[in-house]
PDB file of N, CA and C in Angstrom:
ATOM      1  N   MET A   1      12.716  46.386  19.443  1.00  0.00           N
ATOM      2  CA  MET A   1      13.084  45.907  18.345  1.00  0.00           C
ATOM      3  C   MET A   1      14.143  44.720  18.363  1.00  0.00           C
ATOM      4  N   THR A   2      15.121  45.390  19.714  1.00  0.00           N
ATOM      5  CA  THR A   2      16.233  44.521  19.894  1.00  0.00           C
ATOM      6  C   THR A   2      15.364  43.418  20.991  1.00  0.00           C
ATOM      7  N   ARG A   3      14.621  43.419  21.400  1.00  0.00           N
ATOM      8  CA  ARG A   3      14.028  41.752  22.576  1.00  0.00           C
ATOM      9  C   ARG A   3      13.423  41.561  21.193  1.00  0.00           C
ATOM     10  N   ILE A   4      12.902  41.538  20.059  1.00  0.00           N
ATOM     11  CA  ILE A   4      12.414  40.291  18.675  1.00  0.00           C
ATOM     12  C   ILE A   4      13.577  40.297  18.245  1.00  0.00           C
ATOM     13  N   PHE A   5      14.952  40.512  17.847  1.00  0.00           N
ATOM     14  CA  PHE A   5      16.145  39.769  17.519  1.00  0.00           C
ATOM     15  C   PHE A   5      16.689  39.040  18.111  1.00  0.00           C
ATOM     16  N   PHE A   6      16.340  40.081  19.812  1.00  0.00           N
ATOM     17  CA  PHE A   6      16.580  37.959  20.157  1.00  0.00           C
ATOM     18  C   PHE A   6      15.760  37.120  20.919  1.00  0.00           C
ATOM     19  N   MET A   7      14.986  37.737  20.278  1.00  0.00           N
ATOM     20  CA  MET A   7      13.468  35.597  20.324  1.00  0.00           C
ATOM     21  C   MET A   7      14.514  35.018  19.353  1.00  0.00           C
ATOM     22  N   VAL A   8      13.745  35.889  18.032  1.00  0.00           N
ATOM     23  CA  VAL A   8      13.831  35.169  16.933  1.00  0.00           C
ATOM     24  C   VAL A   8      15.291  34.289  16.577  1.00  0.00           C
ATOM     25  N   LEU A   9      16.685  35.025  17.294  1.00  0.00           N
ATOM     26  CA  LEU A   9      18.171  34.212  17.398  1.00  0.00           C
ATOM     27  C   LEU A   9      17.743  33.296  18.320  1.00  0.00           C
ATOM     28  N   LEU A  10      17.847  33.544  19.464  1.00  0.00           N
ATOM     29  CA  LEU A  10      16.858  32.599  20.599  1.00  0.00           C
ATOM     30  C   LEU A  10      16.167  31.266  19.591  1.00  0.00           C
ATOM     31  N   LEU A  11      14.852  31.795  18.698  1.00  0.00           N
ATOM     32  CA  LEU A  11      14.076  30.204  18.932  1.00  0.00           C
ATOM     33  C   LEU A  11      15.063  30.046  17.908  1.00  0.00           C
ATOM     34  N   ALA A  12      15.573  30.944  16.525  1.00  0.00           N
ATOM     35  CA  ALA A  12      16.563  29.520  15.447  1.00  0.00           C
ATOM     36  C   ALA A  12      17.848  28.836  16.080  1.00  0.00           C
ATOM     37  N   PHE A  13      18.352  29.042  17.103  1.00  0.00           N
ATOM     38  CA  PHE A  13      19.070  28.612  17.545  1.00  0.00           C
ATOM     39  C   PHE A  13      18.750  27.206  18.420  1.00  0.00           C
ATOM     40  N   VAL A  14      17.429  27.994  19.199  1.00  0.00           N
ATOM     41  CA  VAL A  14      16.801  26.214  19.645  1.00  0.00           C
ATOM     42  C   VAL A  14      16.178  24.951  18.679  1.00  0.00           C
ATOM     43  N   SER A  15      15.952  25.411  17.294  1.00  0.00           N
ATOM     44  CA  SER A  15      15.032  25.017  16.719  1.00  0.00           C
ATOM     45  C   SER A  15      16.738  23.847  15.829  1.00  0.00           C
ATOM     46  N   GLY A  16      17.903  24.500  16.199  1.00  0.00           N
ATOM     47  CA  GLY A  16      18.869  24.183  15.134  1.00  0.00           C
ATOM     48  C   GLY A  16      19.263  22.961  15.960  1.00  0.00           C
ATOM     49  N   CYS A  17      18.886  22.848  17.274  1.00  0.00           N
ATOM     50  CA  CYS A  17      19.269  21.808  18.014  1.00  0.00           C
ATOM     51  C   CYS A  17      18.089  20.649  18.023  1.00  0.00           C
ATOM     52  N   THR A  18      17.179  21.081  17.517  1.00  0.00           N
ATOM     53  CA  THR A  18      16.387  19.643  17.808  1.00  0.00           C
ATOM     54  C   THR A  18      16.738  18.408  16.891  1.00  0.00           C
ATOM     55  N   PRO A  19      16.394  17.599  17.757  1.00  0.00           N
ATOM     56  CA  PRO A  19      17.152  16.744  16.819  1.00  0.00           C
ATOM     57  C   PRO A  19      16.271  15.690  16.040  1.00  0.00           C
ATOM     58  N   VAL A  20      16.731  14.796  14.630  1.00  0.00           N
ATOM     59  CA  VAL A  20      15.572  15.288  13.480  1.00  0.00           C
ATOM     60  C   VAL A  20      15.454  13.480  13.842  1.00  0.00           C
ATOM     61  N   SER A  21      13.848  13.294  14.205  1.00  0.00           N
ATOM     62  CA  SER A  21      12.859  12.238  14.127  1.00  0.00           C
ATOM     63  C   SER A  21      12.144  11.649  12.831  1.00  0.00           C
ATOM     64  N   GLY A  22      12.218  10.178  12.984  1.00  0.00           N
ATOM     65  CA  GLY A  22      11.094  10.019  11.976  1.00  0.00           C
ATOM     66  C   GLY A  22      12.260   9.099  10.974  1.00  0.00           C
ATOM     67  N   PRO A  23      11.119   8.621  10.123  1.00  0.00           N
ATOM     68  CA  PRO A  23      11.786   7.546   9.317  1.00  0.00           C
ATOM     69  C   PRO A  23      13.026   8.413   8.148  1.00  0.00           C
ATOM     70  N   GLN A  24      13.888   7.482   8.353  1.00  0.00           N
ATOM     71  CA  GLN A  24      15.079   8.287   7.599  1.00  0.00           C
ATOM     72  C   GLN A  24      15.472   7.336   6.619  1.00  0.00           C
ATOM     73  N   PRO A  25      15.756   7.617   5.025  1.00  0.00           N
ATOM     74  CA  PRO A  25      16.143   6.834   3.978  1.00  0.00           C
ATOM     75  C   PRO A  25      17.195   6.532   3.903  1.00  0.00           C
ATOM     76  N   VAL A  26      17.627   5.734   4.102  1.00  0.00           N
ATOM     77  CA  VAL A  26      19.308   4.871   3.868  1.00  0.00           C
ATOM     78  C   VAL A  26      19.805   4.977   1.924  1.00  0.00           C
ATOM     79  N   ALA A  27      20.700   6.102   2.336  1.00  0.00           N
ATOM     80  CA  ALA A  27      21.650   6.197   0.541  1.00  0.00           C
ATOM     81  C   ALA A  27      22.108   4.524   0.484  1.00  0.00           C
ATOM     82  N   HIS A  28      23.305   4.184   1.367  1.00  0.00           N
ATOM     83  CA  HIS A  28      24.034   2.996   0.972  1.00  0.00           C
ATOM     84  C   HIS A  28      23.877   1.718   1.770  1.00  0.00           C
ATOM     85  N   SER A  29      23.989   0.674   1.189  1.00  0.00           N
ATOM     86  CA  SER A  29      23.305  -0.432   1.525  1.00  0.00           C
ATOM     87  C   SER A  29      23.726  -1.834   0.154  1.00  0.00           C
ATOM     88  N   LEU A  30      24.264  -2.761   1.786  1.00  0.00           N
ATOM     89  CA  LEU A  30      24.201  -3.898   0.533  1.00  0.00           C
ATOM     90  C   LEU A  30      23.400  -4.684  -0.177  1.00  0.00           C
ATOM     91  N   TYR A  31      22.206  -4.494   0.105  1.00  0.00           N
ATOM     92  CA  TYR A  31      20.944  -4.701  -0.130  1.00  0.00           C
ATOM     93  C   TYR A  31      19.796  -3.772  -0.955  1.00  0.00           C
ATOM     94  N   LEU A  32      20.572  -3.053  -1.207  1.00  0.00           N
ATOM     95  CA  LEU A  32      19.863  -1.791  -2.777  1.00  0.00           C
ATOM     96  C   LEU A  32      20.424  -2.566  -4.114  1.00  0.00           C
ATOM     97  N   GLY A  33      19.631  -2.579  -4.682  1.00  0.00           N
ATOM     98  CA  GLY A  33      19.342  -3.053  -6.487  1.00  0.00           C
ATOM     99  C   GLY A  33      19.616  -4.642  -6.200  1.00  0.00           C
ATOM    100  N   LYS A  34      19.472  -5.049  -5.214  1.00  0.00           N
ATOM    101  CA  LYS A  34      19.674  -6.883  -4.954  1.00  0.00           C
ATOM    102  C   LYS A  34      18.126  -7.217  -5.289  1.00  0.00           C
ATOM    103  N   ARG A  35      17.906  -8.178  -5.055  1.00  0.00           N
ATOM    104  CA  ARG A  35      16.734  -9.350  -4.823  1.00  0.00           C
ATOM    105  C   ARG A  35      16.578  -9.170  -3.369  1.00  0.00           C
ATOM    106  N   TYR A  36      14.762  -8.796  -2.716  1.00  0.00           N
ATOM    107  CA  TYR A  36      14.937  -8.715  -1.769  1.00  0.00           C
ATOM    108  C   TYR A  36      15.034 -10.490  -0.257  1.00  0.00           C
ATOM    109  N   LEU A  37      15.576 -10.987  -1.813  1.00  0.00           N
ATOM    110  CA  LEU A  37      15.811 -13.270  -0.991  1.00  0.00           C
ATOM    111  C   LEU A  37      16.555 -12.706  -0.099  1.00  0.00           C
ATOM    112  N   ARG A  38      17.550 -12.118  -1.043  1.00  0.00           N
ATOM    113  CA  ARG A  38      18.788 -12.122  -0.230  1.00  0.00           C
ATOM    114  C   ARG A  38      19.051 -11.587   1.468  1.00  0.00           C
ATOM    115  N   PHE A  39      18.058 -10.182   1.642  1.00  0.00           N
ATOM    116  CA  PHE A  39      18.125  -9.908   2.716  1.00  0.00           C
ATOM    117  C   PHE A  39      16.956 -10.567   3.136  1.00  0.00           C
ATOM    118  N   VAL A  40      15.966 -11.533   2.959  1.00  0.00           N
ATOM    119  CA  VAL A  40      15.740 -12.713   4.013  1.00  0.00           C
ATOM    120  C   VAL A  40      16.569 -13.693   4.244  1.00  0.00           C
ATOM    121  N   MET A  41      17.041 -13.527   3.546  1.00  0.00           N
ATOM    122  CA  MET A  41      18.458 -15.025   3.969  1.00  0.00           C
ATOM    123  C   MET A  41      19.511 -14.590   4.896  1.00  0.00           C
ATOM    124  N   ASP A  42      19.709 -13.353   4.910  1.00  0.00           N
ATOM    125  CA  ASP A  42      20.789 -12.753   5.947  1.00  0.00           C
ATOM    126  C   ASP A  42      20.098 -12.579   6.985  1.00  0.00           C
ATOM    127  N   ASN A  43      18.737 -11.914   7.223  1.00  0.00           N
ATOM    128  CA  ASN A  43      18.083 -11.502   8.739  1.00  0.00           C
ATOM    129  C   ASN A  43      17.019 -11.635   9.030  1.00  0.00           C
ATOM    130  N   GLY A  44      16.086 -12.892   7.736  1.00  0.00           N
ATOM    131  CA  GLY A  44      14.998 -12.954   8.610  1.00  0.00           C
ATOM    132  C   GLY A  44      13.755 -12.858   7.747  1.00  0.00           C
ATOM    133  N   PRO A  45      12.157 -13.222   7.682  1.00  0.00           N
ATOM    134  CA  PRO A  45      11.805 -12.137   7.163  1.00  0.00           C
ATOM    135  C   PRO A  45      10.983 -11.074   7.371  1.00  0.00           C
ATOM    136  N   SER A  46      10.102 -10.620   6.663  1.00  0.00           N
ATOM    137  CA  SER A  46       9.395  -9.163   6.948  1.00  0.00           C
ATOM    138  C   SER A  46       8.281  -9.834   8.389  1.00  0.00           C
ATOM    139  N   TYR A  47       7.931  -8.811   8.612  1.00  0.00           N
ATOM    140  CA  TYR A  47       6.353  -8.930   9.540  1.00  0.00           C
ATOM    141  C   TYR A  47       5.325  -8.693   8.834  1.00  0.00           C
ATOM    142  N   LYS A  48       5.563  -7.722   7.874  1.00  0.00           N
ATOM    143  CA  LYS A  48       4.801  -7.000   7.696  1.00  0.00           C
ATOM    144  C   LYS A  48       4.744  -6.613   5.601  1.00  0.00           C
ATOM    145  N   ASP A  49       3.847  -7.302   4.796  1.00  0.00           N
ATOM    146  CA  ASP A  49       3.972  -6.688   3.437  1.00  0.00           C
ATOM    147  C   ASP A  49       2.702  -6.184   2.794  1.00  0.00           C
ATOM    148  N   VAL A  50       3.305  -4.928   2.322  1.00  0.00           N
ATOM    149  CA  VAL A  50       2.203  -4.202   1.837  1.00  0.00           C
ATOM    150  C   VAL A  50       2.080  -4.554   0.779  1.00  0.00           C
ATOM    151  N   ARG A  51       1.037  -4.137  -0.467  1.00  0.00           N
ATOM    152  CA  ARG A  51       1.334  -4.612  -1.963  1.00  0.00           C
ATOM    153  C   ARG A  51       0.850  -3.630  -2.087  1.00  0.00           C
ATOM    154  N   LEU A  52       1.666  -2.807  -2.921  1.00  0.00           N
ATOM    155  CA  LEU A  52       0.849  -1.044  -3.707  1.00  0.00           C
ATOM    156  C   LEU A  52       0.400  -1.020  -5.054  1.00  0.00           C
ATOM    157  N   ARG A  53      -0.174   0.063  -5.613  1.00  0.00           N
ATOM    158  CA  ARG A  53      -1.091  -0.135  -6.639  1.00  0.00           C
ATOM    159  C   ARG A  53      -0.299  -0.515  -7.547  1.00  0.00           C
ATOM    160  N   ASP A  54       1.241  -0.205  -7.617  1.00  0.00           N
ATOM    161  CA  ASP A  54       2.367  -0.201  -8.860  1.00  0.00           C
ATOM    162  C   ASP A  54       2.840  -1.354  -8.981  1.00  0.00           C
ATOM    163  N   GLY A  55       2.635  -1.941  -8.311  1.00  0.00           N
ATOM    164  CA  GLY A  55       3.439  -3.153  -7.914  1.00  0.00           C
ATOM    165  C   GLY A  55       4.476  -3.397  -7.298  1.00  0.00           C
ATOM    166  N   SER A  56       5.286  -2.563  -6.619  1.00  0.00           N
ATOM    167  CA  SER A  56       5.773  -2.137  -5.682  1.00  0.00           C
ATOM    168  C   SER A  56       5.581  -3.072  -4.214  1.00  0.00           C
ATOM    169  N   VAL A  57       6.473  -3.603  -3.074  1.00  0.00           N
ATOM    170  CA  VAL A  57       5.581  -4.065  -2.032  1.00  0.00           C
ATOM    171  C   VAL A  57       6.607  -3.624  -1.511  1.00  0.00           C
ATOM    172  N   LEU A  58       5.775  -2.596  -0.006  1.00  0.00           N
ATOM    173  CA  LEU A  58       6.658  -2.216   1.177  1.00  0.00           C
ATOM    174  C   LEU A  58       7.220  -3.540   2.076  1.00  0.00           C
ATOM    175  N   HIS A  59       8.205  -4.113   2.585  1.00  0.00           N
ATOM    176  CA  HIS A  59       8.016  -5.319   3.599  1.00  0.00           C
ATOM    177  C   HIS A  59       8.925  -4.362   4.541  1.00  0.00           C
ATOM    178  N   TYR A  60       7.845  -4.768   6.125  1.00  0.00           N
ATOM    179  CA  TYR A  60       8.267  -4.368   7.313  1.00  0.00           C
ATOM    180  C   TYR A  60       9.282  -5.285   8.031  1.00  0.00           C
ATOM    181  N   TRP A  61      10.207  -5.527   8.146  1.00  0.00           N
ATOM    182  CA  TRP A  61      10.998  -5.477   9.328  1.00  0.00           C
ATOM    183  C   TRP A  61      11.183  -5.491  10.535  1.00  0.00           C
ATOM    184  N   ARG A  62      11.649  -6.150  11.551  1.00  0.00           N
ATOM    185  CA  ARG A  62      12.606  -5.705  12.886  1.00  0.00           C
ATOM    186  C   ARG A  62      13.234  -6.698  13.320  1.00  0.00           C
ATOM    187  N   SER A  63      14.315  -6.239  14.142  1.00  0.00           N
ATOM    188  CA  SER A  63      14.869  -7.066  14.747  1.00  0.00           C
ATOM    189  C   SER A  63      14.395  -7.736  15.507  1.00  0.00           C
ATOM    190  N   ASP A  64      14.822  -8.638  16.246  1.00  0.00           N
ATOM    191  CA  ASP A  64      13.960  -9.176  17.902  1.00  0.00           C
ATOM    192  C   ASP A  64      14.872  -9.202  19.143  1.00  0.00           C
ATOM    193  N   THR A  65      15.666  -8.875  18.803  1.00  0.00           N
ATOM    194  CA  THR A  65      16.842  -8.947  20.548  1.00  0.00           C
ATOM    195  C   THR A  65      16.149  -7.141  21.287  1.00  0.00           C
ATOM    196  N   GLY A  66      14.981  -6.963  20.513  1.00  0.00           N
ATOM    197  CA  GLY A  66      14.773  -5.739  21.489  1.00  0.00           C
ATOM    198  C   GLY A  66      14.332  -5.565  22.965  1.00  0.00           C
ATOM    199  N   HIS A  67      13.800  -6.444  22.449  1.00  0.00           N
ATOM    200  CA  HIS A  67      13.172  -7.432  23.687  1.00  0.00           C
ATOM    201  C   HIS A  67      13.754  -7.969  24.758  1.00  0.00           C
ATOM    202  N   LEU A  68      14.411  -8.617  23.958  1.00  0.00           N
ATOM    203  CA  LEU A  68      15.690  -9.618  25.095  1.00  0.00           C
ATOM    204  C   LEU A  68      16.880  -8.641  25.409  1.00  0.00           C
ATOM    205  N   MET A  69      17.142  -7.470  24.656  1.00  0.00           N
ATOM    206  CA  MET A  69      17.974  -6.770  25.304  1.00  0.00           C
ATOM    207  C   MET A  69      16.949  -6.287  26.673  1.00  0.00           C
ATOM    208  N   ALA A  70      16.255  -5.497  26.800  1.00  0.00           N
ATOM    209  CA  ALA A  70      15.842  -4.456  27.334  1.00  0.00           C
ATOM    210  C   ALA A  70      15.693  -5.673  29.087  1.00  0.00           C
ATOM    211  N   ILE A  71      14.750  -7.051  29.047  1.00  0.00           N
ATOM    212  CA  ILE A  71      15.147  -7.956  30.253  1.00  0.00           C
ATOM    213  C   ILE A  71      16.332  -7.903  30.265  1.00  0.00           C
ATOM    214  N   ALA A  72      17.502  -8.360  30.261  1.00  0.00           N
ATOM    215  CA  ALA A  72      18.470  -8.844  29.565  1.00  0.00           C
ATOM    216  C   ALA A  72      19.387  -7.627  31.060  1.00  0.00           C
ATOM    217  N   THR A  73      18.959  -5.864  30.348  1.00  0.00           N
ATOM    218  CA  THR A  73      19.718  -5.383  31.020  1.00  0.00           C
ATOM    219  C   THR A  73      18.731  -4.269  31.973  1.00  0.00           C
ATOM    220  N   GLY A  74      17.130  -4.758  32.705  1.00  0.00           N
ATOM    221  CA  GLY A  74      16.318  -4.902  33.410  1.00  0.00           C
ATOM    222  C   GLY A  74      15.950  -3.242  32.473  1.00  0.00           C
ATOM    223  N   ARG A  75      15.972  -3.099  31.750  1.00  0.00           N
ATOM    224  CA  ARG A  75      15.629  -1.890  31.057  1.00  0.00           C
ATOM    225  C   ARG A  75      13.975  -1.265  30.270  1.00  0.00           C
ATOM    226  N   ASP A  76      13.429  -0.646  30.249  1.00  0.00           N
ATOM    227  CA  ASP A  76      12.385  -0.215  29.518  1.00  0.00           C
ATOM    228  C   ASP A  76      12.218  -0.710  27.749  1.00  0.00           C
ATOM    229  N   GLU A  77      11.449  -1.844  27.951  1.00  0.00           N
ATOM    230  CA  GLU A  77      10.860  -2.214  26.954  1.00  0.00           C
ATOM    231  C   GLU A  77      11.116  -1.650  25.643  1.00  0.00           C
ATOM    232  N   ASN A  78      10.366  -0.133  26.164  1.00  0.00           N
ATOM    233  CA  ASN A  78      10.749   1.237  25.128  1.00  0.00           C
ATOM    234  C   ASN A  78      11.454   0.905  24.344  1.00  0.00           C
ATOM    235  N   TYR A  79      12.863   0.769  24.794  1.00  0.00           N
ATOM    236  CA  TYR A  79      15.073   1.725  25.135  1.00  0.00           C
ATOM    237  C   TYR A  79      14.790   1.628  22.985  1.00  0.00           C
ATOM    238  N   PRO A  80      15.090   1.607  22.329  1.00  0.00           N
ATOM    239  CA  PRO A  80      14.593   1.104  20.741  1.00  0.00           C
ATOM    240  C   PRO A  80      16.394   0.592  21.108  1.00  0.00           C
ATOM    241  N   ASP A  81      16.520  -0.433  21.602  1.00  0.00           N
ATOM    242  CA  ASP A  81      17.820  -1.403  21.419  1.00  0.00           C
ATOM    243  C   ASP A  81      17.327  -2.703  19.977  1.00  0.00           C
ATOM    244  N   TYR A  82      16.447  -2.236  19.182  1.00  0.00           N
ATOM    245  CA  TYR A  82      15.961  -3.077  17.811  1.00  0.00           C
ATOM    246  C   TYR A  82      16.050  -2.674  16.853  1.00  0.00           C
ATOM    247  N   CYS A  83      16.367  -2.726  15.723  1.00  0.00           N
ATOM    248  CA  CYS A  83      16.246  -2.312  14.379  1.00  0.00           C
ATOM    249  C   CYS A  83      14.892  -1.677  13.686  1.00  0.00           C
ATOM    250  N   GLU A  84      14.124  -1.351  13.209  1.00  0.00           N
ATOM    251  CA  GLU A  84      12.700  -1.766  12.312  1.00  0.00           C
ATOM    252  C   GLU A  84      13.464  -0.413  11.055  1.00  0.00           C
ATOM    253  N   ILE A  85      12.854  -1.217   9.580  1.00  0.00           N
ATOM    254  CA  ILE A  85      13.358  -0.813   8.983  1.00  0.00           C
ATOM    255  C   ILE A  85      12.179  -1.068   7.548  1.00  0.00           C
ATOM    256  N   ALA A  86      12.103  -0.988   7.225  1.00  0.00           N
ATOM    257  CA  ALA A  86      10.789  -0.736   5.213  1.00  0.00           C
ATOM    258  C   ALA A  86      12.237  -0.773   4.373  1.00  0.00           C
ATOM    259  N   LEU A  87      11.588  -2.277   3.596  1.00  0.00           N
ATOM    260  CA  LEU A  87      12.294  -2.322   3.160  1.00  0.00           C
ATOM    261  C   LEU A  87      11.157  -1.833   1.476  1.00  0.00           C
ATOM    262  N   ARG A  88      11.342  -1.539   0.103  1.00  0.00           N
ATOM    263  CA  ARG A  88      10.725  -0.848  -1.239  1.00  0.00           C
ATOM    264  C   ARG A  88      11.341  -1.929  -1.950  1.00  0.00           C
ATOM    265  N   THR A  89      10.227  -2.932  -2.518  1.00  0.00           N
ATOM    266  CA  THR A  89      10.783  -3.596  -3.847  1.00  0.00           C
ATOM    267  C   THR A  89       9.448  -3.451  -4.733  1.00  0.00           C
ATOM    268  N   ASP A  90      10.161  -3.176  -6.560  1.00  0.00           N
ATOM    269  CA  ASP A  90      10.166  -3.183  -7.152  1.00  0.00           C
ATOM    270  C   ASP A  90       9.104  -4.800  -7.927  1.00  0.00           C
ATOM    271  N   PRO A  91       8.232  -5.321  -8.176  1.00  0.00           N
ATOM    272  CA  PRO A  91       7.253  -5.963  -8.711  1.00  0.00           C
ATOM    273  C   PRO A  91       8.341  -7.025  -9.581  1.00  0.00           C
ATOM    274  N   HIS A  92       9.785  -6.938  -9.798  1.00  0.00           N
ATOM    275  CA  HIS A  92      10.334  -8.443 -10.019  1.00  0.00           C
ATOM    276  C   HIS A  92      10.612  -8.588  -8.297  1.00  0.00           C
ATOM    277  N   GLY A  93      11.030  -7.907  -7.255  1.00  0.00           N
ATOM    278  CA  GLY A  93      11.523  -8.432  -5.595  1.00  0.00           C
ATOM    279  C   GLY A  93      12.720  -7.750  -5.638  1.00  0.00           C
ATOM    280  N   ILE A  94      12.944  -6.477  -6.179  1.00  0.00           N
ATOM    281  CA  ILE A  94      13.998  -5.749  -6.626  1.00  0.00           C
ATOM    282  C   ILE A  94      14.413  -5.133  -5.051  1.00  0.00           C
ATOM    283  N   VAL A  95      15.246  -4.548  -4.336  1.00  0.00           N
ATOM    284  CA  VAL A  95      15.221  -3.542  -2.988  1.00  0.00           C
ATOM    285  C   VAL A  95      15.747  -2.231  -3.995  1.00  0.00           C
ATOM    286  N   ARG A  96      14.616  -1.566  -4.148  1.00  0.00           N
ATOM    287  CA  ARG A  96      14.671  -0.011  -4.520  1.00  0.00           C
ATOM    288  C   ARG A  96      14.783   1.155  -3.625  1.00  0.00           C
ATOM    289  N   ALA A  97      14.161   0.498  -1.977  1.00  0.00           N
ATOM    290  CA  ALA A  97      14.537   1.892  -1.434  1.00  0.00           C
ATOM    291  C   ALA A  97      14.779   0.931  -0.106  1.00  0.00           C
ATOM    292  N   ILE A  98      14.761   1.434   0.944  1.00  0.00           N
ATOM    293  CA  ILE A  98      15.354   1.760   2.213  1.00  0.00           C
ATOM    294  C   ILE A  98      14.804   3.021   3.187  1.00  0.00           C
ATOM    295  N   THR A  99      14.138   2.454   4.360  1.00  0.00           N
ATOM    296  CA  THR A  99      13.743   3.580   4.577  1.00  0.00           C
ATOM    297  C   THR A  99      14.004   2.489   6.763  1.00  0.00           C
ATOM    298  N   ILE A 100      14.431   3.676   7.516  1.00  0.00           N
ATOM    299  CA  ILE A 100      14.959   2.984   8.780  1.00  0.00           C
ATOM    300  C   ILE A 100      13.923   3.866   9.500  1.00  0.00           C
ATOM    301  N   ILE A 101      12.949   3.091  10.192  1.00  0.00           N
ATOM    302  CA  ILE A 101      11.680   3.084  10.968  1.00  0.00           C
ATOM    303  C   ILE A 101      12.436   3.372  12.370  1.00  0.00           C
ATOM    304  N   GLU A 102      13.041   2.822  13.026  1.00  0.00           N
ATOM    305  CA  GLU A 102      13.502   2.782  14.404  1.00  0.00           C
ATOM    306  C   GLU A 102      14.828   2.356  14.322  1.00  0.00           C
ATOM    307  N   ASP A 103      15.131   3.373  14.465  1.00  0.00           N
ATOM    308  CA  ASP A 103      17.277   3.689  14.431  1.00  0.00           C
ATOM    309  C   ASP A 103      18.027   2.980  16.121  1.00  0.00           C
ATOM    310  N   SER A 104      18.747   1.829  15.705  1.00  0.00           N
ATOM    311  CA  SER A 104      20.004   1.636  17.028  1.00  0.00           C
ATOM    312  C   SER A 104      21.135   1.254  15.741  1.00  0.00           C
ATOM    313  N   PRO A 105      22.130   1.275  16.919  1.00  0.00           N
ATOM    314  CA  PRO A 105      23.311   0.589  16.537  1.00  0.00           C
ATOM    315  C   PRO A 105      23.286  -0.721  15.322  1.00  0.00           C
ATOM    316  N   ILE A 106      22.119  -1.720  15.962  1.00  0.00           N
ATOM    317  CA  ILE A 106      21.664  -3.259  15.698  1.00  0.00           C
ATOM    318  C   ILE A 106      21.432  -2.382  13.931  1.00  0.00           C
ATOM    319  N   CYS A 107      21.147  -1.768  13.259  1.00  0.00           N
ATOM    320  CA  CYS A 107      21.002  -1.363  12.049  1.00  0.00           C
ATOM    321  C   CYS A 107      21.867  -1.390  11.442  1.00  0.00           C
ATOM    322  N   ILE A 108      23.390  -0.412  11.844  1.00  0.00           N
ATOM    323  CA  ILE A 108      24.465  -1.202  11.442  1.00  0.00           C
ATOM    324  C   ILE A 108      25.100  -2.117  10.719  1.00  0.00           C
ATOM    325  N   GLY A 109      24.734  -2.588  11.801  1.00  0.00           N
ATOM    326  CA  GLY A 109      25.053  -4.582  11.096  1.00  0.00           C
ATOM    327  C   GLY A 109      24.116  -4.885  10.362  1.00  0.00           C
ATOM    328  N   VAL A 110      23.166  -4.377  10.577  1.00  0.00           N
ATOM    329  CA  VAL A 110      21.939  -5.046   9.537  1.00  0.00           C
ATOM    330  C   VAL A 110      21.721  -4.964   8.105  1.00  0.00           C
ATOM    331  N   LEU A 111      21.601  -3.591   7.528  1.00  0.00           N
ATOM    332  CA  LEU A 111      21.986  -2.731   6.659  1.00  0.00           C
ATOM    333  C   LEU A 111      23.694  -2.406   5.891  1.00  0.00           C
ATOM    334  N   LYS A 112      24.349  -3.080   6.374  1.00  0.00           N
ATOM    335  CA  LYS A 112      25.956  -3.282   5.338  1.00  0.00           C
ATOM    336  C   LYS A 112      25.913  -2.154   5.154  1.00  0.00           C
TER     337      LYS A 112
END
């Protein structure tokens, strides 16, 4: 019985220390509730746009500095020195949701 208790305790401890990965929704940003065109003017266009059945659009955007940073520092190109996000706009082009796909310090400056 004691052995099972310690195994459960160890499992709970280890799972509590596991970092969260995957897409992360953004709660606050200068661009939420604003026209998508403002984001494009500040950061450049998306690399992929997907129109959904309800008329909203997912705009996938990625900073282009990750590859250059990897070359300059001699690191692996897979190192996340870039920011990749998805912006969901309503049919009128207003940003309703932002999700971080690949997080890095660059995202802080982009999303303000």
